[in-house]
Amino acid sequence: MDDYLVSIIIASYNYGHYLTEAIESTLNQTHQNIEVIVVDDGSTDNTKNVVNQYPIRYIFQGHQGVSVAKNNGIKQSKGKFFVCLDADDKFAPEYISKTIKLMKNPKVGFVRTGSIMWNKDFKIENIWMPRKIFSKYSLFAGWFGALGTVLTRRAAFDSLDYGFDTNLRALEDLDLCFRLLVKGWKTEAVFEPLHWYRIHKNSLINPKMIGEKEHDIRIINREYWFRELYRKIYALYKSTFGRAALLMTHPVEYVKGVRRKTRVNIWVRSHNWIDPQKHEEAVELFKEILITTDMLIEWSQNKHLNNYYVKQLENFESRLQSIMRSDVH
């Protein structure tokens, strides 16, 4: 698999200030046989000047949206495999070398990894790992992390009736993965954080972008009517058998997690916030504590991840308490 050409497509619209990190992360890949293509979706900033500093291809198009940009980049690429990297994100050096190993099975259509969620505004960094049970059904029931950056087999992409859906404003990558699964392609996951997902005001994970996401989720749900059924079944499983399974397999971590969530929830709900900015930061820390607690329970048997999540929880809780004390004064 080391000999295969892998195409890396970076669609960018006025993200020149992030683009350097994205490009350099692709050029630093341990898998050497790559081509990098930046598709400029009608930017009015310094995107072209940034790209011209590197030995990569540059394609300009009038502003038509990220789906059109990705489709154009893929069409002009030559790799047997490709990955679309957002212009504000970046890769670990081993991203391609580790994901391409799982492509030995010709039935695998795409491979994803864990991500480091990276919020510079609030100085928050955390590892979001895929669920251990990773299949068509678990993905439809509810994905976790940044699904968009996946290594994709070109034959799988070409088997679809069309590429990225140009009618979607934001979740075009999720829709593509769904269509690959429905087509019969399989998926695999590398349980390591090999991708950095930058969180900022324009990120889809930002609550301010909820309107964009809800619009696209409604479109996707109309296409995949069974997705809601999967979600309901999975929600029932989590609240019954899933909870019981976690309690049996990780009893100490599970009980500690419930206590931690309850305690933090009481902290936040009982506090009368004076400073709106501090409240916003507290909400972000609160969400990270809940997510990290779940991650700690699931990955408690992994020594490295267990230590990481324990330290993160201590850090987040300490910061949240500090904010609440300062807000009172």
C-alpha atoms as a PDB file:
ATOM      1  CA  MET A   1       0.000   0.000   0.000  1.00  0.00           C
ATOM      2  CA  ASP A   2       3.024   2.277   0.432  1.00  0.00           C
ATOM      3  CA  ASP A   3       3.337   2.670  -3.339  1.00  0.00           C
ATOM      4  CA  TYR A   4      -0.153   4.033  -3.991  1.00  0.00           C
ATOM      5  CA  LEU A   5      -0.609   7.680  -4.875  1.00  0.00           C
ATOM      6  CA  VAL A   6      -2.873   9.492  -2.397  1.00  0.00           C
ATOM      7  CA  SER A   7      -4.465  12.790  -3.376  1.00  0.00           C
ATOM      8  CA  ILE A   8      -5.091  15.417  -0.704  1.00  0.00           C
ATOM      9  CA  ILE A   9      -7.755  17.967  -1.607  1.00  0.00           C
ATOM     10  CA  ILE A  10      -7.929  21.227   0.359  1.00  0.00           C
ATOM     11  CA  ALA A  11     -10.962  23.407  -0.415  1.00  0.00           C
ATOM     12  CA  SER A  12     -10.486  26.953   0.832  1.00  0.00           C
ATOM     13  CA  TYR A  13     -12.664  30.039   0.911  1.00  0.00           C
ATOM     14  CA  ASN A  14     -10.993  33.059   2.541  1.00  0.00           C
ATOM     15  CA  TYR A  15      -9.035  30.802   4.902  1.00  0.00           C
ATOM     16  CA  GLY A  16      -5.590  31.944   3.811  1.00  0.00           C
ATOM     17  CA  HIS A  17      -4.693  32.723   7.440  1.00  0.00           C
ATOM     18  CA  TYR A  18      -5.141  29.029   8.328  1.00  0.00           C
ATOM     19  CA  LEU A  19      -3.890  27.493   5.101  1.00  0.00           C
ATOM     20  CA  THR A  20      -0.161  27.387   5.872  1.00  0.00           C
ATOM     21  CA  GLU A  21      -0.624  24.911   8.729  1.00  0.00           C
ATOM     22  CA  ALA A  22      -2.924  22.726   6.644  1.00  0.00           C
ATOM     23  CA  ILE A  23      -0.562  22.569   3.662  1.00  0.00           C
ATOM     24  CA  GLU A  24       2.555  21.935   5.719  1.00  0.00           C
ATOM     25  CA  SER A  25       0.830  19.077   7.552  1.00  0.00           C
ATOM     26  CA  THR A  26       0.191  17.395   4.199  1.00  0.00           C
ATOM     27  CA  LEU A  27       3.758  17.861   2.969  1.00  0.00           C
ATOM     28  CA  ASN A  28       5.095  16.369   6.217  1.00  0.00           C
ATOM     29  CA  GLN A  29       3.336  13.027   5.709  1.00  0.00           C
ATOM     30  CA  THR A  30       5.432   9.903   6.264  1.00  0.00           C
ATOM     31  CA  HIS A  31       3.645   8.411   3.243  1.00  0.00           C
ATOM     32  CA  GLN A  32       5.632  10.103   0.495  1.00  0.00           C
ATOM     33  CA  ASN A  33       3.614   9.303  -2.627  1.00  0.00           C
ATOM     34  CA  ILE A  34       1.082  12.139  -2.457  1.00  0.00           C
ATOM     35  CA  GLU A  35      -0.272  15.017  -4.508  1.00  0.00           C
ATOM     36  CA  VAL A  36      -1.738  18.110  -2.842  1.00  0.00           C
ATOM     37  CA  ILE A  37      -4.385  20.193  -4.585  1.00  0.00           C
ATOM     38  CA  VAL A  38      -5.809  23.419  -3.170  1.00  0.00           C
ATOM     39  CA  VAL A  39      -9.131  24.444  -4.694  1.00  0.00           C
ATOM     40  CA  ASP A  40      -9.720  28.136  -4.135  1.00  0.00           C
ATOM     41  CA  ASP A  41     -13.474  28.680  -3.983  1.00  0.00           C
ATOM     42  CA  GLY A  42     -13.408  32.335  -5.090  1.00  0.00           C
ATOM     43  CA  SER A  43     -11.398  33.687  -2.159  1.00  0.00           C
ATOM     44  CA  THR A  44     -10.711  37.410  -1.899  1.00  0.00           C
ATOM     45  CA  ASP A  45      -7.901  37.072   0.637  1.00  0.00           C
ATOM     46  CA  ASN A  46      -4.273  35.918   0.269  1.00  0.00           C
ATOM     47  CA  THR A  47      -5.080  32.253  -0.440  1.00  0.00           C
ATOM     48  CA  LYS A  48      -3.287  32.187  -3.805  1.00  0.00           C
ATOM     49  CA  ASN A  49      -0.158  33.836  -2.386  1.00  0.00           C
ATOM     50  CA  VAL A  50       0.001  31.260   0.402  1.00  0.00           C
ATOM     51  CA  VAL A  51      -0.358  28.333  -2.022  1.00  0.00           C
ATOM     52  CA  ASN A  52       2.311  29.727  -4.370  1.00  0.00           C
ATOM     53  CA  GLN A  53       4.909  29.234  -1.638  1.00  0.00           C
ATOM     54  CA  TYR A  54       4.602  25.437  -1.916  1.00  0.00           C
ATOM     55  CA  PRO A  55       5.142  22.793  -4.650  1.00  0.00           C
ATOM     56  CA  ILE A  56       1.444  21.939  -4.927  1.00  0.00           C
ATOM     57  CA  ARG A  57      -1.371  22.445  -7.449  1.00  0.00           C
ATOM     58  CA  TYR A  58      -3.672  25.459  -7.294  1.00  0.00           C
ATOM     59  CA  ILE A  59      -7.140  25.551  -8.861  1.00  0.00           C
ATOM     60  CA  PHE A  60      -9.338  28.641  -8.810  1.00  0.00           C
ATOM     61  CA  GLN A  61     -13.104  28.630  -9.249  1.00  0.00           C
ATOM     62  CA  GLY A  62     -15.808  31.231  -8.740  1.00  0.00           C
ATOM     63  CA  HIS A  63     -17.453  30.983  -5.344  1.00  0.00           C
ATOM     64  CA  GLN A  64     -19.749  27.932  -5.635  1.00  0.00           C
ATOM     65  CA  GLY A  65     -19.459  26.269  -2.248  1.00  0.00           C
ATOM     66  CA  VAL A  66     -17.353  23.607  -0.604  1.00  0.00           C
ATOM     67  CA  SER A  67     -19.061  20.638  -2.309  1.00  0.00           C
ATOM     68  CA  VAL A  68     -18.328  21.953  -5.795  1.00  0.00           C
ATOM     69  CA  ALA A  69     -14.752  22.734  -4.770  1.00  0.00           C
ATOM     70  CA  LYS A  70     -14.187  19.227  -3.414  1.00  0.00           C
ATOM     71  CA  ASN A  71     -15.756  17.602  -6.461  1.00  0.00           C
ATOM     72  CA  ASN A  72     -13.553  19.681  -8.780  1.00  0.00           C
ATOM     73  CA  GLY A  73     -10.436  18.799  -6.831  1.00  0.00           C
ATOM     74  CA  ILE A  74     -11.235  15.080  -6.846  1.00  0.00           C
ATOM     75  CA  LYS A  75     -12.026  15.172 -10.574  1.00  0.00           C
ATOM     76  CA  GLN A  76      -8.605  16.625 -11.351  1.00  0.00           C
ATOM     77  CA  SER A  77      -6.691  14.392  -8.943  1.00  0.00           C
ATOM     78  CA  LYS A  78      -4.969  11.127  -9.877  1.00  0.00           C
ATOM     79  CA  GLY A  79      -4.696   9.119  -6.670  1.00  0.00           C
ATOM     80  CA  LYS A  80      -6.288   5.716  -6.135  1.00  0.00           C
ATOM     81  CA  PHE A  81      -7.210   7.109  -2.712  1.00  0.00           C
ATOM     82  CA  PHE A  82      -7.980  10.658  -1.642  1.00  0.00           C
ATOM     83  CA  VAL A  83      -8.769  12.665   1.453  1.00  0.00           C
ATOM     84  CA  CYS A  84     -10.398  16.100   1.717  1.00  0.00           C
ATOM     85  CA  LEU A  85      -8.771  18.236   4.396  1.00  0.00           C
ATOM     86  CA  ASP A  86     -10.515  21.399   5.553  1.00  0.00           C
ATOM     87  CA  ALA A  87      -8.319  24.465   5.135  1.00  0.00           C
ATOM     88  CA  ASP A  88      -8.533  25.283   8.855  1.00  0.00           C
ATOM     89  CA  ASP A  89      -7.503  21.773   9.997  1.00  0.00           C
ATOM     90  CA  LYS A  90      -4.312  19.739   9.799  1.00  0.00           C
ATOM     91  CA  PHE A  91      -2.965  16.167   9.832  1.00  0.00           C
ATOM     92  CA  ALA A  92      -0.571  14.257  12.038  1.00  0.00           C
ATOM     93  CA  PRO A  93       2.440  13.076   9.975  1.00  0.00           C
ATOM     94  CA  GLU A  94       1.269   9.438  10.124  1.00  0.00           C
ATOM     95  CA  TYR A  95      -2.308  10.129   8.990  1.00  0.00           C
ATOM     96  CA  ILE A  96      -2.025   8.575   5.522  1.00  0.00           C
ATOM     97  CA  SER A  97       0.448   5.809   6.380  1.00  0.00           C
ATOM     98  CA  LYS A  98      -1.811   4.498   9.151  1.00  0.00           C
ATOM     99  CA  THR A  99      -5.187   4.878   7.442  1.00  0.00           C
ATOM    100  CA  ILE A 100      -4.088   3.380   4.118  1.00  0.00           C
ATOM    101  CA  LYS A 101      -3.114   0.105   5.838  1.00  0.00           C
ATOM    102  CA  LEU A 102      -6.822  -0.576   6.430  1.00  0.00           C
ATOM    103  CA  MET A 103      -7.482  -0.242   2.702  1.00  0.00           C
ATOM    104  CA  LYS A 104      -5.940  -3.686   2.106  1.00  0.00           C
ATOM    105  CA  ASN A 105      -9.491  -4.980   2.302  1.00  0.00           C
ATOM    106  CA  PRO A 106     -10.944  -3.981  -1.112  1.00  0.00           C
ATOM    107  CA  LYS A 107     -14.431  -3.709   0.388  1.00  0.00           C
ATOM    108  CA  VAL A 108     -13.420  -0.796   2.649  1.00  0.00           C
ATOM    109  CA  GLY A 109     -14.678   2.458   1.150  1.00  0.00           C
ATOM    110  CA  PHE A 110     -13.404   4.922   3.738  1.00  0.00           C
ATOM    111  CA  VAL A 111     -11.302   5.068   6.901  1.00  0.00           C
ATOM    112  CA  ARG A 112     -11.542   7.628   9.672  1.00  0.00           C
ATOM    113  CA  THR A 113      -9.501   8.376  12.781  1.00  0.00           C
ATOM    114  CA  GLY A 114      -9.697  10.044  16.134  1.00  0.00           C
ATOM    115  CA  SER A 115      -9.394  13.830  16.164  1.00  0.00           C
ATOM    116  CA  ILE A 116      -7.852  16.431  18.405  1.00  0.00           C
ATOM    117  CA  MET A 117     -10.519  19.084  18.867  1.00  0.00           C
ATOM    118  CA  TRP A 118      -8.644  22.335  19.104  1.00  0.00           C
ATOM    119  CA  ASN A 119     -10.277  25.540  20.366  1.00  0.00           C
ATOM    120  CA  LYS A 120      -7.753  28.377  20.577  1.00  0.00           C
ATOM    121  CA  ASP A 121     -10.339  30.928  21.736  1.00  0.00           C
ATOM    122  CA  PHE A 122     -10.875  29.093  25.014  1.00  0.00           C
ATOM    123  CA  LYS A 123      -7.519  27.290  25.075  1.00  0.00           C
ATOM    124  CA  ILE A 124      -9.222  23.904  24.986  1.00  0.00           C
ATOM    125  CA  GLU A 125      -7.696  20.834  23.382  1.00  0.00           C
ATOM    126  CA  ASN A 126      -9.205  17.382  23.701  1.00  0.00           C
ATOM    127  CA  ILE A 127      -9.075  13.997  21.966  1.00  0.00           C
ATOM    128  CA  TRP A 128     -12.330  12.733  20.490  1.00  0.00           C
ATOM    129  CA  MET A 129     -12.085   9.058  19.564  1.00  0.00           C
ATOM    130  CA  PRO A 130     -14.457   7.043  17.370  1.00  0.00           C
ATOM    131  CA  ARG A 131     -16.699   4.617  19.189  1.00  0.00           C
ATOM    132  CA  LYS A 132     -15.137   1.183  19.560  1.00  0.00           C
ATOM    133  CA  ILE A 133     -18.118  -0.387  17.814  1.00  0.00           C
ATOM    134  CA  PHE A 134     -17.789   1.253  14.423  1.00  0.00           C
ATOM    135  CA  SER A 135     -20.107   0.034  11.679  1.00  0.00           C
ATOM    136  CA  LYS A 136     -22.795   1.120   9.273  1.00  0.00           C
ATOM    137  CA  TYR A 137     -25.395   0.922  12.024  1.00  0.00           C
ATOM    138  CA  SER A 138     -23.436   2.776  14.686  1.00  0.00           C
ATOM    139  CA  LEU A 139     -22.607   5.533  12.211  1.00  0.00           C
ATOM    140  CA  PHE A 140     -26.204   6.044  11.163  1.00  0.00           C
ATOM    141  CA  ALA A 141     -27.266   5.979  14.820  1.00  0.00           C
ATOM    142  CA  GLY A 142     -24.960   8.845  15.701  1.00  0.00           C
ATOM    143  CA  TRP A 143     -21.388   9.626  14.729  1.00  0.00           C
ATOM    144  CA  PHE A 144     -18.767  11.095  17.002  1.00  0.00           C
ATOM    145  CA  GLY A 145     -15.932  13.461  16.239  1.00  0.00           C
ATOM    146  CA  ALA A 146     -14.962  15.025  12.930  1.00  0.00           C
ATOM    147  CA  LEU A 147     -16.255  12.597  10.329  1.00  0.00           C
ATOM    148  CA  GLY A 148     -15.437  14.708   7.280  1.00  0.00           C
ATOM    149  CA  THR A 149     -11.703  14.025   7.052  1.00  0.00           C
ATOM    150  CA  VAL A 150     -11.651  10.396   5.914  1.00  0.00           C
ATOM    151  CA  LEU A 151      -9.348   8.523   3.556  1.00  0.00           C
ATOM    152  CA  THR A 152     -11.621   7.447   0.690  1.00  0.00           C
ATOM    153  CA  ARG A 153     -11.185   4.837  -2.018  1.00  0.00           C
ATOM    154  CA  ARG A 154     -11.664   6.433  -5.442  1.00  0.00           C
ATOM    155  CA  ALA A 155     -13.456   3.321  -6.739  1.00  0.00           C
ATOM    156  CA  ALA A 156     -15.985   3.733  -3.926  1.00  0.00           C
ATOM    157  CA  PHE A 157     -16.471   7.419  -4.694  1.00  0.00           C
ATOM    158  CA  ASP A 158     -16.871   6.681  -8.415  1.00  0.00           C
ATOM    159  CA  SER A 159     -19.503   4.027  -7.663  1.00  0.00           C
ATOM    160  CA  LEU A 160     -21.920   6.702  -6.402  1.00  0.00           C
ATOM    161  CA  ASP A 161     -24.435   8.440  -8.658  1.00  0.00           C
ATOM    162  CA  TYR A 162     -22.804  11.774  -7.810  1.00  0.00           C
ATOM    163  CA  GLY A 163     -20.043  13.123  -5.594  1.00  0.00           C
ATOM    164  CA  PHE A 164     -20.496  15.586  -2.748  1.00  0.00           C
ATOM    165  CA  ASP A 165     -24.068  16.898  -2.720  1.00  0.00           C
ATOM    166  CA  THR A 166     -23.993  20.525  -3.866  1.00  0.00           C
ATOM    167  CA  ASN A 167     -27.421  21.148  -2.276  1.00  0.00           C
ATOM    168  CA  LEU A 168     -25.985  20.778   1.220  1.00  0.00           C
ATOM    169  CA  ARG A 169     -24.547  23.804   2.994  1.00  0.00           C
ATOM    170  CA  ALA A 170     -22.418  22.025   5.550  1.00  0.00           C
ATOM    171  CA  LEU A 171     -22.750  18.260   6.171  1.00  0.00           C
ATOM    172  CA  GLU A 172     -21.785  17.159   2.675  1.00  0.00           C
ATOM    173  CA  ASP A 173     -19.067  14.878   4.084  1.00  0.00           C
ATOM    174  CA  LEU A 174     -21.472  13.066   6.413  1.00  0.00           C
ATOM    175  CA  ASP A 175     -23.915  12.579   3.545  1.00  0.00           C
ATOM    176  CA  LEU A 176     -21.148  11.124   1.366  1.00  0.00           C
ATOM    177  CA  CYS A 177     -20.195   8.600   4.052  1.00  0.00           C
ATOM    178  CA  PHE A 178     -23.840   7.588   4.435  1.00  0.00           C
ATOM    179  CA  ARG A 179     -24.199   7.023   0.690  1.00  0.00           C
ATOM    180  CA  LEU A 180     -21.037   4.916   0.607  1.00  0.00           C
ATOM    181  CA  LEU A 181     -22.416   2.717   3.389  1.00  0.00           C
ATOM    182  CA  VAL A 182     -25.797   2.369   1.705  1.00  0.00           C
ATOM    183  CA  LYS A 183     -23.983   1.394  -1.506  1.00  0.00           C
ATOM    184  CA  GLY A 184     -22.442  -1.515   0.370  1.00  0.00           C
ATOM    185  CA  TRP A 185     -18.955  -0.214   1.080  1.00  0.00           C
ATOM    186  CA  LYS A 186     -17.493  -0.949   4.491  1.00  0.00           C
ATOM    187  CA  THR A 187     -15.762   1.419   6.867  1.00  0.00           C
ATOM    188  CA  GLU A 188     -12.877   1.085   9.298  1.00  0.00           C
ATOM    189  CA  ALA A 189     -11.380   3.318  11.973  1.00  0.00           C
ATOM    190  CA  VAL A 190      -7.894   3.995  13.303  1.00  0.00           C
ATOM    191  CA  PHE A 191      -8.264   4.540  17.036  1.00  0.00           C
ATOM    192  CA  GLU A 192      -5.612   7.220  17.261  1.00  0.00           C
ATOM    193  CA  PRO A 193      -5.874  11.030  17.069  1.00  0.00           C
ATOM    194  CA  LEU A 194      -4.341  11.691  13.645  1.00  0.00           C
ATOM    195  CA  HIS A 195      -6.306  14.805  12.717  1.00  0.00           C
ATOM    196  CA  TRP A 196      -6.599  18.267  14.263  1.00  0.00           C
ATOM    197  CA  TYR A 197     -10.042  19.854  14.015  1.00  0.00           C
ATOM    198  CA  ARG A 198      -9.887  23.589  14.649  1.00  0.00           C
ATOM    199  CA  ILE A 199     -12.895  25.017  16.498  1.00  0.00           C
ATOM    200  CA  HIS A 200     -13.672  28.678  15.814  1.00  0.00           C
ATOM    201  CA  LYS A 201     -16.685  30.896  15.186  1.00  0.00           C
ATOM    202  CA  ASN A 202     -17.277  29.454  11.690  1.00  0.00           C
ATOM    203  CA  SER A 203     -16.780  25.797  12.643  1.00  0.00           C
ATOM    204  CA  LEU A 204     -19.762  23.500  12.235  1.00  0.00           C
ATOM    205  CA  ILE A 205     -19.274  22.296  15.791  1.00  0.00           C
ATOM    206  CA  ASN A 206     -19.793  25.848  17.041  1.00  0.00           C
ATOM    207  CA  PRO A 207     -23.330  26.305  18.479  1.00  0.00           C
ATOM    208  CA  LYS A 208     -23.710  29.463  16.360  1.00  0.00           C
ATOM    209  CA  MET A 209     -23.694  27.243  13.248  1.00  0.00           C
ATOM    210  CA  ILE A 210     -26.621  25.136  14.437  1.00  0.00           C
ATOM    211  CA  GLY A 211     -28.948  26.555  11.772  1.00  0.00           C
ATOM    212  CA  GLU A 212     -26.666  25.326   8.988  1.00  0.00           C
ATOM    213  CA  LYS A 213     -26.472  21.866  10.527  1.00  0.00           C
ATOM    214  CA  GLU A 214     -30.200  21.522  11.158  1.00  0.00           C
ATOM    215  CA  HIS A 215     -30.965  22.488   7.547  1.00  0.00           C
ATOM    216  CA  ASP A 216     -28.676  19.754   6.245  1.00  0.00           C
ATOM    217  CA  ILE A 217     -29.733  17.133   8.779  1.00  0.00           C
ATOM    218  CA  ARG A 218     -33.350  17.558   7.664  1.00  0.00           C
ATOM    219  CA  ILE A 219     -32.282  16.957   4.050  1.00  0.00           C
ATOM    220  CA  ILE A 220     -30.206  13.930   5.030  1.00  0.00           C
ATOM    221  CA  ASN A 221     -32.994  12.445   7.159  1.00  0.00           C
ATOM    222  CA  ARG A 222     -35.422  12.698   4.249  1.00  0.00           C
ATOM    223  CA  GLU A 223     -32.974  10.677   2.153  1.00  0.00           C
ATOM    224  CA  TYR A 224     -32.293   8.070   4.838  1.00  0.00           C
ATOM    225  CA  TRP A 225     -35.661   7.494   6.503  1.00  0.00           C
ATOM    226  CA  PHE A 226     -34.245   4.609   8.550  1.00  0.00           C
ATOM    227  CA  ARG A 227     -31.659   6.841  10.226  1.00  0.00           C
ATOM    228  CA  GLU A 228     -34.124   8.063  12.845  1.00  0.00           C
ATOM    229  CA  LEU A 229     -35.060   4.459  13.584  1.00  0.00           C
ATOM    230  CA  TYR A 230     -31.383   3.635  14.164  1.00  0.00           C
ATOM    231  CA  ARG A 231     -31.049   6.690  16.385  1.00  0.00           C
ATOM    232  CA  LYS A 232     -34.048   5.687  18.503  1.00  0.00           C
ATOM    233  CA  ILE A 233     -32.832   2.114  18.848  1.00  0.00           C
ATOM    234  CA  TYR A 234     -29.353   3.319  19.764  1.00  0.00           C
ATOM    235  CA  ALA A 235     -30.745   5.798  22.316  1.00  0.00           C
ATOM    236  CA  LEU A 236     -32.754   2.958  23.887  1.00  0.00           C
ATOM    237  CA  TYR A 237     -29.670   0.742  23.901  1.00  0.00           C
ATOM    238  CA  LYS A 238     -27.550   3.444  25.578  1.00  0.00           C
ATOM    239  CA  SER A 239     -30.106   4.028  28.319  1.00  0.00           C
ATOM    240  CA  THR A 240     -30.576   0.299  29.052  1.00  0.00           C
ATOM    241  CA  PHE A 241     -28.198  -2.434  27.862  1.00  0.00           C
ATOM    242  CA  GLY A 242     -25.414   0.004  27.004  1.00  0.00           C
ATOM    243  CA  ARG A 243     -25.480   1.539  30.454  1.00  0.00           C
ATOM    244  CA  ALA A 244     -25.593  -1.897  32.057  1.00  0.00           C
ATOM    245  CA  ALA A 245     -22.688  -3.077  29.879  1.00  0.00           C
ATOM    246  CA  LEU A 246     -20.546  -0.095  30.875  1.00  0.00           C
ATOM    247  CA  LEU A 247     -21.411  -0.625  34.521  1.00  0.00           C
ATOM    248  CA  MET A 248     -20.377  -4.294  34.315  1.00  0.00           C
ATOM    249  CA  THR A 249     -17.206  -3.765  32.281  1.00  0.00           C
ATOM    250  CA  HIS A 250     -16.056  -0.474  33.857  1.00  0.00           C
ATOM    251  CA  PRO A 251     -17.877  -0.304  37.223  1.00  0.00           C
ATOM    252  CA  VAL A 252     -15.506   2.043  39.039  1.00  0.00           C
ATOM    253  CA  GLU A 253     -15.128   4.440  36.101  1.00  0.00           C
ATOM    254  CA  TYR A 254     -18.871   4.396  35.451  1.00  0.00           C
ATOM    255  CA  VAL A 255     -19.813   5.314  39.029  1.00  0.00           C
ATOM    256  CA  LYS A 256     -17.129   8.003  39.136  1.00  0.00           C
ATOM    257  CA  GLY A 257     -18.417   9.362  35.837  1.00  0.00           C
ATOM    258  CA  VAL A 258     -22.002   9.629  37.047  1.00  0.00           C
ATOM    259  CA  ARG A 259     -20.860  11.422  40.198  1.00  0.00           C
ATOM    260  CA  ARG A 260     -18.661  13.806  38.202  1.00  0.00           C
ATOM    261  CA  LYS A 261     -21.432  14.699  35.729  1.00  0.00           C
ATOM    262  CA  THR A 262     -23.918  15.266  38.540  1.00  0.00           C
ATOM    263  CA  ARG A 263     -21.510  17.455  40.489  1.00  0.00           C
ATOM    264  CA  VAL A 264     -20.551  19.614  37.515  1.00  0.00           C
ATOM    265  CA  ASN A 265     -24.169  19.969  36.430  1.00  0.00           C
ATOM    266  CA  ILE A 266     -25.077  21.256  39.901  1.00  0.00           C
ATOM    267  CA  TRP A 267     -22.170  23.724  39.805  1.00  0.00           C
ATOM    268  CA  VAL A 268     -23.242  25.277  36.537  1.00  0.00           C
ATOM    269  CA  ARG A 269     -26.991  25.319  37.134  1.00  0.00           C
ATOM    270  CA  SER A 270     -26.701  26.826  40.607  1.00  0.00           C
ATOM    271  CA  HIS A 271     -24.485  29.708  39.489  1.00  0.00           C
ATOM    272  CA  ASN A 272     -25.839  33.161  38.613  1.00  0.00           C
ATOM    273  CA  TRP A 273     -23.565  34.355  35.832  1.00  0.00           C
ATOM    274  CA  ILE A 274     -22.539  38.007  35.831  1.00  0.00           C
ATOM    275  CA  ASP A 275     -20.021  38.116  32.983  1.00  0.00           C
ATOM    276  CA  PRO A 276     -21.507  36.752  29.685  1.00  0.00           C
ATOM    277  CA  GLN A 277     -18.042  36.001  28.272  1.00  0.00           C
ATOM    278  CA  LYS A 278     -17.137  33.900  31.280  1.00  0.00           C
ATOM    279  CA  HIS A 279     -20.460  32.131  31.003  1.00  0.00           C
ATOM    280  CA  GLU A 280     -19.673  31.190  27.390  1.00  0.00           C
ATOM    281  CA  GLU A 281     -16.295  29.780  28.391  1.00  0.00           C
ATOM    282  CA  ALA A 282     -17.895  27.910  31.291  1.00  0.00           C
ATOM    283  CA  VAL A 283     -20.415  26.317  28.924  1.00  0.00           C
ATOM    284  CA  GLU A 284     -17.594  25.106  26.667  1.00  0.00           C
ATOM    285  CA  LEU A 285     -15.729  23.645  29.631  1.00  0.00           C
ATOM    286  CA  PHE A 286     -18.935  22.023  30.894  1.00  0.00           C
ATOM    287  CA  LYS A 287     -19.472  20.300  27.535  1.00  0.00           C
ATOM    288  CA  GLU A 288     -15.860  19.125  27.453  1.00  0.00           C
ATOM    289  CA  ILE A 289     -16.206  17.632  30.932  1.00  0.00           C
ATOM    290  CA  LEU A 290     -19.276  15.627  29.903  1.00  0.00           C
ATOM    291  CA  ILE A 291     -17.653  14.394  26.672  1.00  0.00           C
ATOM    292  CA  THR A 292     -14.347  13.589  28.357  1.00  0.00           C
ATOM    293  CA  THR A 293     -16.107  11.687  31.147  1.00  0.00           C
ATOM    294  CA  ASP A 294     -17.768   9.429  28.573  1.00  0.00           C
ATOM    295  CA  MET A 295     -14.453   8.976  26.790  1.00  0.00           C
ATOM    296  CA  LEU A 296     -12.715   8.068  30.037  1.00  0.00           C
ATOM    297  CA  ILE A 297     -15.294   5.373  30.784  1.00  0.00           C
ATOM    298  CA  GLU A 298     -15.075   3.859  27.294  1.00  0.00           C
ATOM    299  CA  TRP A 299     -11.281   3.980  27.030  1.00  0.00           C
ATOM    300  CA  SER A 300     -10.346   3.322  30.663  1.00  0.00           C
ATOM    301  CA  GLN A 301      -8.529   0.094  29.693  1.00  0.00           C
ATOM    302  CA  ASN A 302      -6.201   2.034  27.381  1.00  0.00           C
ATOM    303  CA  LYS A 303      -3.437   3.275  29.662  1.00  0.00           C
ATOM    304  CA  HIS A 304      -2.380   6.198  27.472  1.00  0.00           C
ATOM    305  CA  LEU A 305      -5.897   7.480  26.840  1.00  0.00           C
ATOM    306  CA  ASN A 306      -6.958   6.857  30.436  1.00  0.00           C
ATOM    307  CA  ASN A 307      -4.115   9.040  31.720  1.00  0.00           C
ATOM    308  CA  TYR A 308      -4.856  11.683  29.101  1.00  0.00           C
ATOM    309  CA  TYR A 309      -8.567  11.937  29.937  1.00  0.00           C
ATOM    310  CA  VAL A 310      -7.947  11.960  33.691  1.00  0.00           C
ATOM    311  CA  LYS A 311      -5.552  14.907  33.328  1.00  0.00           C
ATOM    312  CA  GLN A 312      -7.948  16.706  30.987  1.00  0.00           C
ATOM    313  CA  LEU A 313     -10.836  16.327  33.431  1.00  0.00           C
ATOM    314  CA  GLU A 314      -8.742  17.677  36.284  1.00  0.00           C
ATOM    315  CA  ASN A 315      -7.739  20.643  34.123  1.00  0.00           C
ATOM    316  CA  PHE A 316     -11.280  21.386  32.895  1.00  0.00           C
ATOM    317  CA  GLU A 317     -12.829  21.125  36.354  1.00  0.00           C
ATOM    318  CA  SER A 318     -10.140  23.330  37.886  1.00  0.00           C
ATOM    319  CA  ARG A 319     -10.650  25.973  35.188  1.00  0.00           C
ATOM    320  CA  LEU A 320     -14.427  25.867  35.571  1.00  0.00           C
ATOM    321  CA  GLN A 321     -14.215  26.329  39.333  1.00  0.00           C
ATOM    322  CA  SER A 322     -11.760  29.209  38.872  1.00  0.00           C
ATOM    323  CA  ILE A 323     -14.119  30.970  36.450  1.00  0.00           C
ATOM    324  CA  MET A 324     -17.049  30.560  38.800  1.00  0.00           C
ATOM    325  CA  ARG A 325     -15.099  31.953  41.756  1.00  0.00           C
ATOM    326  CA  SER A 326     -13.857  34.961  39.797  1.00  0.00           C
ATOM    327  CA  ASP A 327     -17.331  35.646  38.426  1.00  0.00           C
ATOM    328  CA  VAL A 328     -18.736  35.864  41.937  1.00  0.00           C
ATOM    329  CA  HIS A 329     -16.182  38.496  42.899  1.00  0.00           C
END
